[in-house]
């Protein structure tokens, strides 16, 4: 006697055999009853995609929180970009009742302002000082936060580490007026060091008026003011390094320097690449207030950078179109430097500012 699948010798069917067609029929019926939109939503869910209406309803609180920031960004960062049109005009703010409508009444001169910039020796002098200061700060200023972060991270006691971190980060909140004043009171002709040397029969000095050392002076001021911020960033990256890596390296016989070279620095490399790309993109903006406060003491020849040059030509001399042309070229070069530095970071295997 032949038996069918799921049947017993007495001719009855097993419970499993009864349940199988019942489950299949129920699934078919449920599929037929599901509306078309629900089936589409199910397919979208399987593909890992969430409809934009669902995401909008889900994230509406976060969107409302970021909306004021987006509006401020558009108002103060993107809308003013439309004013770059004055770089191609002979802009006169007094040709109309207000400065905005004066844009539509100013004559169009094309690239005349850019030709003036190329032929202006003062512009090339400011550009030379800017590039020199950027290279100097990149070589001297950029490695210092990394070294200080490594030193602080090696401190065993958390209280000592927290105090050192707070002391180094505090000058970041100082204004440039206060920073220059502090350096004047220490390294100026009437400062503490000069007065102490004179009291002991030595000749004093005035570092604040030494034009030859001005580039090193402003670099030291930038290090003292902003190195603490870099320390915070690098310490946050070091906190994410697993201690298992250090323990494994120590078990393999690696000393302190070997662990730092093969574990710590590779962990910091993505952050270093990111900050380096941002720093290169800001190469032509070495500072404004810092140099403006000290230009009278050392002279315009060594303290004139592109930012102070734009301020001098646009605000003091009223040549707004020429200043806008210089600022436009400065911004375009900055964008090119960011793209080039980010491409270089990709070649090194790092993400940079954005992915490939």
C-alpha atoms as a PDB file:
ATOM      1  CA  UNK A   1       0.000   0.000   0.000  1.00  0.00           C
ATOM      2  CA  UNK A   2       1.444   3.340  -0.998  1.00  0.00           C
ATOM      3  CA  UNK A   3       1.336   6.152   1.484  1.00  0.00           C
ATOM      4  CA  UNK A   4       1.140   9.829   0.543  1.00  0.00           C
ATOM      5  CA  UNK A   5       3.333  12.450   2.213  1.00  0.00           C
ATOM      6  CA  UNK A   6       2.099  13.247   5.713  1.00  0.00           C
ATOM      7  CA  UNK A   7      -0.345  10.312   5.867  1.00  0.00           C
ATOM      8  CA  UNK A   8      -0.450   7.505   8.404  1.00  0.00           C
ATOM      9  CA  UNK A   9      -0.899   3.762   7.748  1.00  0.00           C
ATOM     10  CA  UNK A  10      -4.509   4.004   8.915  1.00  0.00           C
ATOM     11  CA  UNK A  11      -5.281   6.612   6.252  1.00  0.00           C
ATOM     12  CA  UNK A  12      -5.456   9.652   8.526  1.00  0.00           C
ATOM     13  CA  UNK A  13      -3.242  12.732   7.991  1.00  0.00           C
ATOM     14  CA  UNK A  14      -0.705  13.966  10.526  1.00  0.00           C
ATOM     15  CA  UNK A  15      -1.226  17.364  12.280  1.00  0.00           C
ATOM     16  CA  UNK A  16       1.853  18.822  10.510  1.00  0.00           C
ATOM     17  CA  UNK A  17       0.420  17.916   7.140  1.00  0.00           C
ATOM     18  CA  UNK A  18      -2.851  19.553   8.053  1.00  0.00           C
ATOM     19  CA  UNK A  19      -1.169  22.725   9.267  1.00  0.00           C
ATOM     20  CA  UNK A  20       1.060  23.178   6.215  1.00  0.00           C
ATOM     21  CA  UNK A  21      -1.681  23.888   3.636  1.00  0.00           C
ATOM     22  CA  UNK A  22      -3.624  25.868   6.218  1.00  0.00           C
ATOM     23  CA  UNK A  23      -0.642  28.202   6.819  1.00  0.00           C
ATOM     24  CA  UNK A  24      -0.034  28.513   3.074  1.00  0.00           C
ATOM     25  CA  UNK A  25      -3.667  29.397   2.427  1.00  0.00           C
ATOM     26  CA  UNK A  26      -3.657  31.959   5.256  1.00  0.00           C
ATOM     27  CA  UNK A  27      -0.511  33.615   3.879  1.00  0.00           C
ATOM     28  CA  UNK A  28      -2.038  33.793   0.402  1.00  0.00           C
ATOM     29  CA  UNK A  29      -5.248  35.293   1.736  1.00  0.00           C
ATOM     30  CA  UNK A  30      -3.321  37.845   3.821  1.00  0.00           C
ATOM     31  CA  UNK A  31      -1.284  38.843   0.773  1.00  0.00           C
ATOM     32  CA  UNK A  32      -4.428  39.376  -1.266  1.00  0.00           C
ATOM     33  CA  UNK A  33      -5.973  41.548   1.463  1.00  0.00           C
ATOM     34  CA  UNK A  34      -2.935  43.825   1.869  1.00  0.00           C
ATOM     35  CA  UNK A  35      -3.486  47.135   0.036  1.00  0.00           C
ATOM     36  CA  UNK A  36      -1.105  48.237  -2.691  1.00  0.00           C
ATOM     37  CA  UNK A  37       0.409  51.076  -0.634  1.00  0.00           C
ATOM     38  CA  UNK A  38       1.083  48.758   2.279  1.00  0.00           C
ATOM     39  CA  UNK A  39       2.819  46.260  -0.010  1.00  0.00           C
ATOM     40  CA  UNK A  40       4.963  49.084  -1.396  1.00  0.00           C
ATOM     41  CA  UNK A  41       5.820  50.209   2.122  1.00  0.00           C
ATOM     42  CA  UNK A  42       6.757  46.638   2.993  1.00  0.00           C
ATOM     43  CA  UNK A  43       9.047  46.416  -0.019  1.00  0.00           C
ATOM     44  CA  UNK A  44      10.603  49.783   0.890  1.00  0.00           C
ATOM     45  CA  UNK A  45      11.139  48.589   4.452  1.00  0.00           C
ATOM     46  CA  UNK A  46      12.822  45.452   3.190  1.00  0.00           C
ATOM     47  CA  UNK A  47      15.133  47.555   1.028  1.00  0.00           C
ATOM     48  CA  UNK A  48      16.122  49.648   4.062  1.00  0.00           C
ATOM     49  CA  UNK A  49      14.555  52.871   2.776  1.00  0.00           C
ATOM     50  CA  UNK A  50      12.204  54.991   4.840  1.00  0.00           C
ATOM     51  CA  UNK A  51       9.766  57.299   2.991  1.00  0.00           C
ATOM     52  CA  UNK A  52      10.612  60.964   3.309  1.00  0.00           C
ATOM     53  CA  UNK A  53       7.236  61.746   4.882  1.00  0.00           C
ATOM     54  CA  UNK A  54       7.900  59.229   7.615  1.00  0.00           C
ATOM     55  CA  UNK A  55      11.359  60.657   8.201  1.00  0.00           C
ATOM     56  CA  UNK A  56       9.951  64.196   8.253  1.00  0.00           C
ATOM     57  CA  UNK A  57       7.375  63.255  10.856  1.00  0.00           C
ATOM     58  CA  UNK A  58       9.943  61.311  12.854  1.00  0.00           C
ATOM     59  CA  UNK A  59      12.647  64.020  12.867  1.00  0.00           C
ATOM     60  CA  UNK A  60      10.462  67.137  12.995  1.00  0.00           C
ATOM     61  CA  UNK A  61      11.756  68.078  16.470  1.00  0.00           C
ATOM     62  CA  UNK A  62      15.386  67.980  15.328  1.00  0.00           C
ATOM     63  CA  UNK A  63      14.534  69.914  12.167  1.00  0.00           C
ATOM     64  CA  UNK A  64      12.831  72.644  14.178  1.00  0.00           C
ATOM     65  CA  UNK A  65      15.874  72.857  16.474  1.00  0.00           C
ATOM     66  CA  UNK A  66      18.307  73.288  13.562  1.00  0.00           C
ATOM     67  CA  UNK A  67      16.080  75.667  11.588  1.00  0.00           C
ATOM     68  CA  UNK A  68      17.264  78.870  13.383  1.00  0.00           C
ATOM     69  CA  UNK A  69      20.902  77.922  12.789  1.00  0.00           C
ATOM     70  CA  UNK A  70      20.216  77.277   9.109  1.00  0.00           C
ATOM     71  CA  UNK A  71      18.474  80.633   8.783  1.00  0.00           C
ATOM     72  CA  UNK A  72      21.375  82.460  10.444  1.00  0.00           C
ATOM     73  CA  UNK A  73      23.824  80.624   8.187  1.00  0.00           C
ATOM     74  CA  UNK A  74      21.898  81.616   5.087  1.00  0.00           C
ATOM     75  CA  UNK A  75      21.464  85.207   6.262  1.00  0.00           C
ATOM     76  CA  UNK A  76      25.036  85.950   7.302  1.00  0.00           C
ATOM     77  CA  UNK A  77      27.109  83.532   5.180  1.00  0.00           C
ATOM     78  CA  UNK A  78      25.356  82.870   1.894  1.00  0.00           C
ATOM     79  CA  UNK A  79      23.217  85.926   1.180  1.00  0.00           C
ATOM     80  CA  UNK A  80      26.257  88.283   1.463  1.00  0.00           C
ATOM     81  CA  UNK A  81      27.927  86.252  -1.309  1.00  0.00           C
ATOM     82  CA  UNK A  82      25.611  88.038  -3.733  1.00  0.00           C
ATOM     83  CA  UNK A  83      27.465  91.246  -2.897  1.00  0.00           C
ATOM     84  CA  UNK A  84      30.580  89.929  -4.659  1.00  0.00           C
ATOM     85  CA  UNK A  85      29.119  91.398  -7.819  1.00  0.00           C
ATOM     86  CA  UNK A  86      30.627  94.753  -6.788  1.00  0.00           C
ATOM     87  CA  UNK A  87      34.058  93.273  -7.603  1.00  0.00           C
ATOM     88  CA  UNK A  88      33.102  93.689 -11.252  1.00  0.00           C
ATOM     89  CA  UNK A  89      31.769  97.225 -10.820  1.00  0.00           C
ATOM     90  CA  UNK A  90      32.982 100.678  -9.930  1.00  0.00           C
ATOM     91  CA  UNK A  91      30.822 100.611  -6.848  1.00  0.00           C
ATOM     92  CA  UNK A  92      29.750 103.913  -5.308  1.00  0.00           C
ATOM     93  CA  UNK A  93      27.548 103.585  -2.199  1.00  0.00           C
ATOM     94  CA  UNK A  94      26.468 107.233  -2.490  1.00  0.00           C
ATOM     95  CA  UNK A  95      24.970 106.943  -5.969  1.00  0.00           C
ATOM     96  CA  UNK A  96      21.663 105.866  -4.425  1.00  0.00           C
ATOM     97  CA  UNK A  97      19.722 106.238  -1.208  1.00  0.00           C
ATOM     98  CA  UNK A  98      21.180 103.042   0.282  1.00  0.00           C
ATOM     99  CA  UNK A  99      24.045 100.701  -0.375  1.00  0.00           C
ATOM    100  CA  UNK A 100      21.948  97.829  -1.738  1.00  0.00           C
ATOM    101  CA  UNK A 101      20.207  99.774  -4.479  1.00  0.00           C
ATOM    102  CA  UNK A 102      23.534 101.441  -5.297  1.00  0.00           C
ATOM    103  CA  UNK A 103      24.690  98.083  -6.687  1.00  0.00           C
ATOM    104  CA  UNK A 104      22.124  98.375  -9.494  1.00  0.00           C
ATOM    105  CA  UNK A 105      23.222 101.913 -10.368  1.00  0.00           C
ATOM    106  CA  UNK A 106      27.017 101.432 -10.293  1.00  0.00           C
ATOM    107  CA  UNK A 107      28.781 101.095 -13.663  1.00  0.00           C
ATOM    108  CA  UNK A 108      30.078  97.703 -14.797  1.00  0.00           C
ATOM    109  CA  UNK A 109      33.859  97.573 -15.334  1.00  0.00           C
ATOM    110  CA  UNK A 110      34.474  93.842 -15.822  1.00  0.00           C
ATOM    111  CA  UNK A 111      37.874  92.578 -14.651  1.00  0.00           C
ATOM    112  CA  UNK A 112      39.418  96.011 -14.199  1.00  0.00           C
ATOM    113  CA  UNK A 113      39.674  95.596 -10.419  1.00  0.00           C
ATOM    114  CA  UNK A 114      41.512  92.286 -10.839  1.00  0.00           C
ATOM    115  CA  UNK A 115      43.968  93.929 -13.230  1.00  0.00           C
ATOM    116  CA  UNK A 116      44.669  96.592 -10.612  1.00  0.00           C
ATOM    117  CA  UNK A 117      45.294  93.860  -8.078  1.00  0.00           C
ATOM    118  CA  UNK A 118      47.868  92.130 -10.275  1.00  0.00           C
ATOM    119  CA  UNK A 119      49.723  95.397 -10.860  1.00  0.00           C
ATOM    120  CA  UNK A 120      49.648  96.518  -7.196  1.00  0.00           C
ATOM    121  CA  UNK A 121      52.971  95.869  -5.378  1.00  0.00           C
ATOM    122  CA  UNK A 122      51.274  96.384  -2.001  1.00  0.00           C
ATOM    123  CA  UNK A 123      49.005  93.447  -2.735  1.00  0.00           C
ATOM    124  CA  UNK A 124      51.945  91.171  -3.501  1.00  0.00           C
ATOM    125  CA  UNK A 125      53.695  92.324  -0.343  1.00  0.00           C
ATOM    126  CA  UNK A 126      50.619  91.447   1.746  1.00  0.00           C
ATOM    127  CA  UNK A 127      50.320  88.091  -0.045  1.00  0.00           C
ATOM    128  CA  UNK A 128      53.991  87.341   0.636  1.00  0.00           C
ATOM    129  CA  UNK A 129      53.619  88.082   4.356  1.00  0.00           C
ATOM    130  CA  UNK A 130      50.449  85.967   4.511  1.00  0.00           C
ATOM    131  CA  UNK A 131      52.068  82.913   2.909  1.00  0.00           C
ATOM    132  CA  UNK A 132      55.211  83.267   5.034  1.00  0.00           C
ATOM    133  CA  UNK A 133      53.204  83.438   8.252  1.00  0.00           C
ATOM    134  CA  UNK A 134      51.014  80.501   7.199  1.00  0.00           C
ATOM    135  CA  UNK A 135      54.011  78.268   6.511  1.00  0.00           C
ATOM    136  CA  UNK A 136      55.633  79.291   9.785  1.00  0.00           C
ATOM    137  CA  UNK A 137      52.479  78.634  11.797  1.00  0.00           C
ATOM    138  CA  UNK A 138      51.911  75.325  10.025  1.00  0.00           C
ATOM    139  CA  UNK A 139      55.421  74.122  10.902  1.00  0.00           C
ATOM    140  CA  UNK A 140      55.630  75.506  14.450  1.00  0.00           C
ATOM    141  CA  UNK A 141      52.023  75.771  15.625  1.00  0.00           C
ATOM    142  CA  UNK A 142      50.333  72.630  14.252  1.00  0.00           C
ATOM    143  CA  UNK A 143      52.578  69.973  15.929  1.00  0.00           C
ATOM    144  CA  UNK A 144      52.481  71.622  19.372  1.00  0.00           C
ATOM    145  CA  UNK A 145      48.881  70.637  20.296  1.00  0.00           C
ATOM    146  CA  UNK A 146      49.659  67.056  19.273  1.00  0.00           C
ATOM    147  CA  UNK A 147      52.753  66.931  21.469  1.00  0.00           C
ATOM    148  CA  UNK A 148      50.968  68.532  24.429  1.00  0.00           C
ATOM    149  CA  UNK A 149      48.020  66.133  24.059  1.00  0.00           C
ATOM    150  CA  UNK A 150      50.415  63.173  24.157  1.00  0.00           C
ATOM    151  CA  UNK A 151      52.107  64.568  27.264  1.00  0.00           C
ATOM    152  CA  UNK A 152      48.811  65.201  29.063  1.00  0.00           C
ATOM    153  CA  UNK A 153      47.466  61.794  28.052  1.00  0.00           C
ATOM    154  CA  UNK A 154      50.512  60.111  29.615  1.00  0.00           C
ATOM    155  CA  UNK A 155      49.783  61.664  33.026  1.00  0.00           C
ATOM    156  CA  UNK A 156      48.431  58.982  35.323  1.00  0.00           C
ATOM    157  CA  UNK A 157      46.522  61.091  37.847  1.00  0.00           C
ATOM    158  CA  UNK A 158      43.202  62.323  36.408  1.00  0.00           C
ATOM    159  CA  UNK A 159      43.152  65.424  38.633  1.00  0.00           C
ATOM    160  CA  UNK A 160      46.548  66.609  37.391  1.00  0.00           C
ATOM    161  CA  UNK A 161      45.464  65.937  33.824  1.00  0.00           C
ATOM    162  CA  UNK A 162      42.256  67.930  34.251  1.00  0.00           C
ATOM    163  CA  UNK A 163      44.037  70.914  35.808  1.00  0.00           C
ATOM    164  CA  UNK A 164      46.691  71.009  33.074  1.00  0.00           C
ATOM    165  CA  UNK A 165      44.045  70.745  30.385  1.00  0.00           C
ATOM    166  CA  UNK A 166      41.989  73.598  31.883  1.00  0.00           C
ATOM    167  CA  UNK A 167      45.030  75.887  32.225  1.00  0.00           C
ATOM    168  CA  UNK A 168      46.064  75.320  28.611  1.00  0.00           C
ATOM    169  CA  UNK A 169      42.518  75.759  27.303  1.00  0.00           C
ATOM    170  CA  UNK A 170      41.776  78.973  29.220  1.00  0.00           C
ATOM    171  CA  UNK A 171      43.595  81.412  26.829  1.00  0.00           C
ATOM    172  CA  UNK A 172      41.310  80.274  24.008  1.00  0.00           C
ATOM    173  CA  UNK A 173      38.573  82.443  25.542  1.00  0.00           C
ATOM    174  CA  UNK A 174      40.787  85.559  25.674  1.00  0.00           C
ATOM    175  CA  UNK A 175      40.344  88.296  23.095  1.00  0.00           C
ATOM    176  CA  UNK A 176      43.292  89.351  20.965  1.00  0.00           C
ATOM    177  CA  UNK A 177      43.383  92.658  22.824  1.00  0.00           C
ATOM    178  CA  UNK A 178      44.024  90.808  26.071  1.00  0.00           C
ATOM    179  CA  UNK A 179      46.566  88.462  24.449  1.00  0.00           C
ATOM    180  CA  UNK A 180      48.577  91.355  23.003  1.00  0.00           C
ATOM    181  CA  UNK A 181      48.388  93.177  26.330  1.00  0.00           C
ATOM    182  CA  UNK A 182      49.748  90.150  28.205  1.00  0.00           C
ATOM    183  CA  UNK A 183      52.655  89.815  25.787  1.00  0.00           C
ATOM    184  CA  UNK A 184      53.292  93.551  26.031  1.00  0.00           C
ATOM    185  CA  UNK A 185      53.499  93.337  29.804  1.00  0.00           C
ATOM    186  CA  UNK A 186      55.964  90.444  29.582  1.00  0.00           C
ATOM    187  CA  UNK A 187      58.105  91.075  26.484  1.00  0.00           C
ATOM    188  CA  UNK A 188      57.671  94.831  25.946  1.00  0.00           C
ATOM    189  CA  UNK A 189      60.215  97.516  26.698  1.00  0.00           C
ATOM    190  CA  UNK A 190      58.495  98.229  30.020  1.00  0.00           C
ATOM    191  CA  UNK A 191      57.638  94.584  30.597  1.00  0.00           C
ATOM    192  CA  UNK A 192      58.588  92.287  33.438  1.00  0.00           C
ATOM    193  CA  UNK A 193      61.587  90.678  31.723  1.00  0.00           C
ATOM    194  CA  UNK A 194      63.100  93.956  30.503  1.00  0.00           C
ATOM    195  CA  UNK A 195      62.669  95.662  33.871  1.00  0.00           C
ATOM    196  CA  UNK A 196      64.162  92.694  35.721  1.00  0.00           C
ATOM    197  CA  UNK A 197      67.227  92.703  33.472  1.00  0.00           C
ATOM    198  CA  UNK A 198      67.697  96.459  33.925  1.00  0.00           C
ATOM    199  CA  UNK A 199      67.417  96.154  37.697  1.00  0.00           C
ATOM    200  CA  UNK A 200      70.320  93.678  37.665  1.00  0.00           C
ATOM    201  CA  UNK A 201      72.546  95.784  35.422  1.00  0.00           C
ATOM    202  CA  UNK A 202      71.680  94.163  32.101  1.00  0.00           C
ATOM    203  CA  UNK A 203      70.392  95.988  29.055  1.00  0.00           C
ATOM    204  CA  UNK A 204      66.690  95.531  28.432  1.00  0.00           C
ATOM    205  CA  UNK A 205      64.955  94.734  25.183  1.00  0.00           C
ATOM    206  CA  UNK A 206      61.627  95.383  23.490  1.00  0.00           C
ATOM    207  CA  UNK A 207      60.427  92.343  21.591  1.00  0.00           C
ATOM    208  CA  UNK A 208      57.104  93.948  20.696  1.00  0.00           C
ATOM    209  CA  UNK A 209      58.746  96.518  18.395  1.00  0.00           C
ATOM    210  CA  UNK A 210      61.277  94.206  16.744  1.00  0.00           C
ATOM    211  CA  UNK A 211      60.228  93.907  13.099  1.00  0.00           C
ATOM    212  CA  UNK A 212      62.644  91.034  12.399  1.00  0.00           C
ATOM    213  CA  UNK A 213      61.090  88.841  15.087  1.00  0.00           C
ATOM    214  CA  UNK A 214      57.492  89.864  14.472  1.00  0.00           C
ATOM    215  CA  UNK A 215      56.547  86.680  12.590  1.00  0.00           C
ATOM    216  CA  UNK A 216      57.800  84.556  15.493  1.00  0.00           C
ATOM    217  CA  UNK A 217      56.010  86.793  17.974  1.00  0.00           C
ATOM    218  CA  UNK A 218      52.595  86.417  16.334  1.00  0.00           C
ATOM    219  CA  UNK A 219      53.174  82.651  16.013  1.00  0.00           C
ATOM    220  CA  UNK A 220      53.918  82.421  19.748  1.00  0.00           C
ATOM    221  CA  UNK A 221      50.758  84.398  20.476  1.00  0.00           C
ATOM    222  CA  UNK A 222      48.686  82.024  18.311  1.00  0.00           C
ATOM    223  CA  UNK A 223      50.215  79.005  20.052  1.00  0.00           C
ATOM    224  CA  UNK A 224      49.492  80.380  23.515  1.00  0.00           C
ATOM    225  CA  UNK A 225      45.930  81.324  22.622  1.00  0.00           C
ATOM    226  CA  UNK A 226      44.685  78.416  20.490  1.00  0.00           C
ATOM    227  CA  UNK A 227      46.835  75.401  21.329  1.00  0.00           C
ATOM    228  CA  UNK A 228      44.412  74.434  24.099  1.00  0.00           C
ATOM    229  CA  UNK A 229      41.585  73.970  21.617  1.00  0.00           C
ATOM    230  CA  UNK A 230      43.692  71.554  19.576  1.00  0.00           C
ATOM    231  CA  UNK A 231      44.595  69.663  22.742  1.00  0.00           C
ATOM    232  CA  UNK A 232      40.885  69.073  23.447  1.00  0.00           C
ATOM    233  CA  UNK A 233      40.372  67.621  19.964  1.00  0.00           C
ATOM    234  CA  UNK A 234      43.376  65.301  20.106  1.00  0.00           C
ATOM    235  CA  UNK A 235      42.593  64.143  23.654  1.00  0.00           C
ATOM    236  CA  UNK A 236      39.094  63.211  22.503  1.00  0.00           C
ATOM    237  CA  UNK A 237      40.639  61.125  19.725  1.00  0.00           C
ATOM    238  CA  UNK A 238      43.038  59.471  22.173  1.00  0.00           C
ATOM    239  CA  UNK A 239      40.166  58.576  24.507  1.00  0.00           C
ATOM    240  CA  UNK A 240      38.670  56.449  21.722  1.00  0.00           C
ATOM    241  CA  UNK A 241      41.792  54.268  21.429  1.00  0.00           C
ATOM    242  CA  UNK A 242      41.231  50.840  22.953  1.00  0.00           C
ATOM    243  CA  UNK A 243      43.504  49.961  25.857  1.00  0.00           C
ATOM    244  CA  UNK A 244      43.708  46.424  24.472  1.00  0.00           C
ATOM    245  CA  UNK A 245      45.956  47.722  21.715  1.00  0.00           C
ATOM    246  CA  UNK A 246      48.424  49.149  24.240  1.00  0.00           C
ATOM    247  CA  UNK A 247      48.344  45.953  26.282  1.00  0.00           C
ATOM    248  CA  UNK A 248      48.922  43.808  23.201  1.00  0.00           C
ATOM    249  CA  UNK A 249      51.813  46.010  22.106  1.00  0.00           C
ATOM    250  CA  UNK A 250      53.336  45.857  25.592  1.00  0.00           C
ATOM    251  CA  UNK A 251      53.060  42.058  25.619  1.00  0.00           C
ATOM    252  CA  UNK A 252      54.894  41.969  22.287  1.00  0.00           C
ATOM    253  CA  UNK A 253      57.760  43.880  23.875  1.00  0.00           C
ATOM    254  CA  UNK A 254      57.003  47.380  22.574  1.00  0.00           C
ATOM    255  CA  UNK A 255      58.258  50.184  24.791  1.00  0.00           C
ATOM    256  CA  UNK A 256      56.684  53.572  25.417  1.00  0.00           C
ATOM    257  CA  UNK A 257      58.007  55.137  22.219  1.00  0.00           C
ATOM    258  CA  UNK A 258      57.086  52.113  20.117  1.00  0.00           C
ATOM    259  CA  UNK A 259      53.534  52.169  21.465  1.00  0.00           C
ATOM    260  CA  UNK A 260      53.226  55.859  20.731  1.00  0.00           C
ATOM    261  CA  UNK A 261      54.564  55.421  17.180  1.00  0.00           C
ATOM    262  CA  UNK A 262      52.572  52.319  16.226  1.00  0.00           C
ATOM    263  CA  UNK A 263      49.378  52.756  18.284  1.00  0.00           C
ATOM    264  CA  UNK A 264      48.829  56.370  19.332  1.00  0.00           C
ATOM    265  CA  UNK A 265      49.869  58.248  16.195  1.00  0.00           C
ATOM    266  CA  UNK A 266      47.918  55.958  13.797  1.00  0.00           C
ATOM    267  CA  UNK A 267      44.845  56.560  15.953  1.00  0.00           C
ATOM    268  CA  UNK A 268      45.374  60.332  15.653  1.00  0.00           C
ATOM    269  CA  UNK A 269      46.033  60.273  11.906  1.00  0.00           C
ATOM    270  CA  UNK A 270      42.383  60.794  10.794  1.00  0.00           C
ATOM    271  CA  UNK A 271      41.986  63.780  13.119  1.00  0.00           C
ATOM    272  CA  UNK A 272      45.354  65.193  12.049  1.00  0.00           C
ATOM    273  CA  UNK A 273      44.358  64.880   8.385  1.00  0.00           C
ATOM    274  CA  UNK A 274      41.021  66.604   9.003  1.00  0.00           C
ATOM    275  CA  UNK A 275      42.490  69.532  10.935  1.00  0.00           C
ATOM    276  CA  UNK A 276      45.306  69.872   8.420  1.00  0.00           C
ATOM    277  CA  UNK A 277      42.826  70.145   5.540  1.00  0.00           C
ATOM    278  CA  UNK A 278      40.892  72.815   7.414  1.00  0.00           C
ATOM    279  CA  UNK A 279      44.086  74.665   8.296  1.00  0.00           C
ATOM    280  CA  UNK A 280      45.303  74.638   4.693  1.00  0.00           C
ATOM    281  CA  UNK A 281      41.937  75.933   3.529  1.00  0.00           C
ATOM    282  CA  UNK A 282      42.317  78.827   5.962  1.00  0.00           C
ATOM    283  CA  UNK A 283      45.873  79.533   4.797  1.00  0.00           C
ATOM    284  CA  UNK A 284      45.175  83.057   3.540  1.00  0.00           C
ATOM    285  CA  UNK A 285      43.345  84.070   6.734  1.00  0.00           C
ATOM    286  CA  UNK A 286      46.193  84.212   9.224  1.00  0.00           C
ATOM    287  CA  UNK A 287      44.464  86.847  11.317  1.00  0.00           C
ATOM    288  CA  UNK A 288      43.084  90.366  11.295  1.00  0.00           C
ATOM    289  CA  UNK A 289      42.704  91.806  14.769  1.00  0.00           C
ATOM    290  CA  UNK A 290      46.029  90.378  15.937  1.00  0.00           C
ATOM    291  CA  UNK A 291      47.953  92.172  13.183  1.00  0.00           C
ATOM    292  CA  UNK A 292      45.877  95.330  13.245  1.00  0.00           C
ATOM    293  CA  UNK A 293      46.665  95.844  16.929  1.00  0.00           C
ATOM    294  CA  UNK A 294      50.432  95.579  16.398  1.00  0.00           C
ATOM    295  CA  UNK A 295      51.025  97.141  12.985  1.00  0.00           C
ATOM    296  CA  UNK A 296      51.911 100.569  14.381  1.00  0.00           C
ATOM    297  CA  UNK A 297      54.644  99.079  16.589  1.00  0.00           C
ATOM    298  CA  UNK A 298      56.496  97.164  13.843  1.00  0.00           C
ATOM    299  CA  UNK A 299      55.400  98.918  10.662  1.00  0.00           C
ATOM    300  CA  UNK A 300      53.139  98.016   7.778  1.00  0.00           C
ATOM    301  CA  UNK A 301      55.887  96.264   5.817  1.00  0.00           C
ATOM    302  CA  UNK A 302      55.994  93.167   8.032  1.00  0.00           C
ATOM    303  CA  UNK A 303      52.485  93.261   9.530  1.00  0.00           C
ATOM    304  CA  UNK A 304      50.376  93.792   6.405  1.00  0.00           C
ATOM    305  CA  UNK A 305      48.486  90.605   5.488  1.00  0.00           C
ATOM    306  CA  UNK A 306      45.605  90.083   3.084  1.00  0.00           C
ATOM    307  CA  UNK A 307      42.943  90.602   5.742  1.00  0.00           C
ATOM    308  CA  UNK A 308      44.362  93.940   6.895  1.00  0.00           C
ATOM    309  CA  UNK A 309      45.017  94.906   3.277  1.00  0.00           C
ATOM    310  CA  UNK A 310      41.348  94.372   2.380  1.00  0.00           C
ATOM    311  CA  UNK A 311      40.281  96.361   5.450  1.00  0.00           C
ATOM    312  CA  UNK A 312      42.672  99.185   4.603  1.00  0.00           C
ATOM    313  CA  UNK A 313      41.601  99.436   0.966  1.00  0.00           C
ATOM    314  CA  UNK A 314      37.886  98.902   1.491  1.00  0.00           C
ATOM    315  CA  UNK A 315      37.046 100.556   4.823  1.00  0.00           C
ATOM    316  CA  UNK A 316      39.715 103.212   5.204  1.00  0.00           C
ATOM    317  CA  UNK A 317      40.125 104.224   1.557  1.00  0.00           C
ATOM    318  CA  UNK A 318      36.537 103.529   0.496  1.00  0.00           C
ATOM    319  CA  UNK A 319      37.589 101.447  -2.522  1.00  0.00           C
ATOM    320  CA  UNK A 320      34.931  98.794  -2.001  1.00  0.00           C
ATOM    321  CA  UNK A 321      35.099  97.228  -5.451  1.00  0.00           C
ATOM    322  CA  UNK A 322      38.845  96.664  -5.287  1.00  0.00           C
ATOM    323  CA  UNK A 323      38.605  95.224  -1.758  1.00  0.00           C
ATOM    324  CA  UNK A 324      35.799  92.911  -2.891  1.00  0.00           C
ATOM    325  CA  UNK A 325      37.963  91.704  -5.801  1.00  0.00           C
ATOM    326  CA  UNK A 326      40.840  90.882  -3.452  1.00  0.00           C
ATOM    327  CA  UNK A 327      38.484  89.100  -1.066  1.00  0.00           C
ATOM    328  CA  UNK A 328      36.938  87.124  -3.938  1.00  0.00           C
ATOM    329  CA  UNK A 329      40.331  85.916  -5.150  1.00  0.00           C
ATOM    330  CA  UNK A 330      41.296  85.052  -1.586  1.00  0.00           C
ATOM    331  CA  UNK A 331      38.148  82.974  -1.127  1.00  0.00           C
ATOM    332  CA  UNK A 332      38.565  81.180  -4.479  1.00  0.00           C
ATOM    333  CA  UNK A 333      42.155  80.236  -3.628  1.00  0.00           C
ATOM    334  CA  UNK A 334      40.987  78.977  -0.221  1.00  0.00           C
ATOM    335  CA  UNK A 335      38.406  76.695  -1.858  1.00  0.00           C
ATOM    336  CA  UNK A 336      41.043  75.305  -4.228  1.00  0.00           C
ATOM    337  CA  UNK A 337      43.388  74.654  -1.302  1.00  0.00           C
ATOM    338  CA  UNK A 338      40.648  72.778   0.589  1.00  0.00           C
ATOM    339  CA  UNK A 339      39.864  70.598  -2.433  1.00  0.00           C
ATOM    340  CA  UNK A 340      43.553  69.906  -3.077  1.00  0.00           C
ATOM    341  CA  UNK A 341      44.328  69.108   0.560  1.00  0.00           C
ATOM    342  CA  UNK A 342      41.275  66.866   0.804  1.00  0.00           C
ATOM    343  CA  UNK A 343      42.342  65.010  -2.347  1.00  0.00           C
ATOM    344  CA  UNK A 344      45.785  64.529  -0.811  1.00  0.00           C
ATOM    345  CA  UNK A 345      44.135  63.136   2.344  1.00  0.00           C
ATOM    346  CA  UNK A 346      42.248  60.633   0.170  1.00  0.00           C
ATOM    347  CA  UNK A 347      45.518  59.545  -1.416  1.00  0.00           C
ATOM    348  CA  UNK A 348      46.866  58.858   2.084  1.00  0.00           C
ATOM    349  CA  UNK A 349      43.820  56.701   2.830  1.00  0.00           C
ATOM    350  CA  UNK A 350      42.052  59.202   5.101  1.00  0.00           C
ATOM    351  CA  UNK A 351      38.542  60.614   4.807  1.00  0.00           C
ATOM    352  CA  UNK A 352      39.432  64.310   5.135  1.00  0.00           C
ATOM    353  CA  UNK A 353      36.547  66.772   5.185  1.00  0.00           C
ATOM    354  CA  UNK A 354      34.308  64.590   3.016  1.00  0.00           C
ATOM    355  CA  UNK A 355      34.422  61.113   1.537  1.00  0.00           C
ATOM    356  CA  UNK A 356      35.341  60.276  -2.036  1.00  0.00           C
END
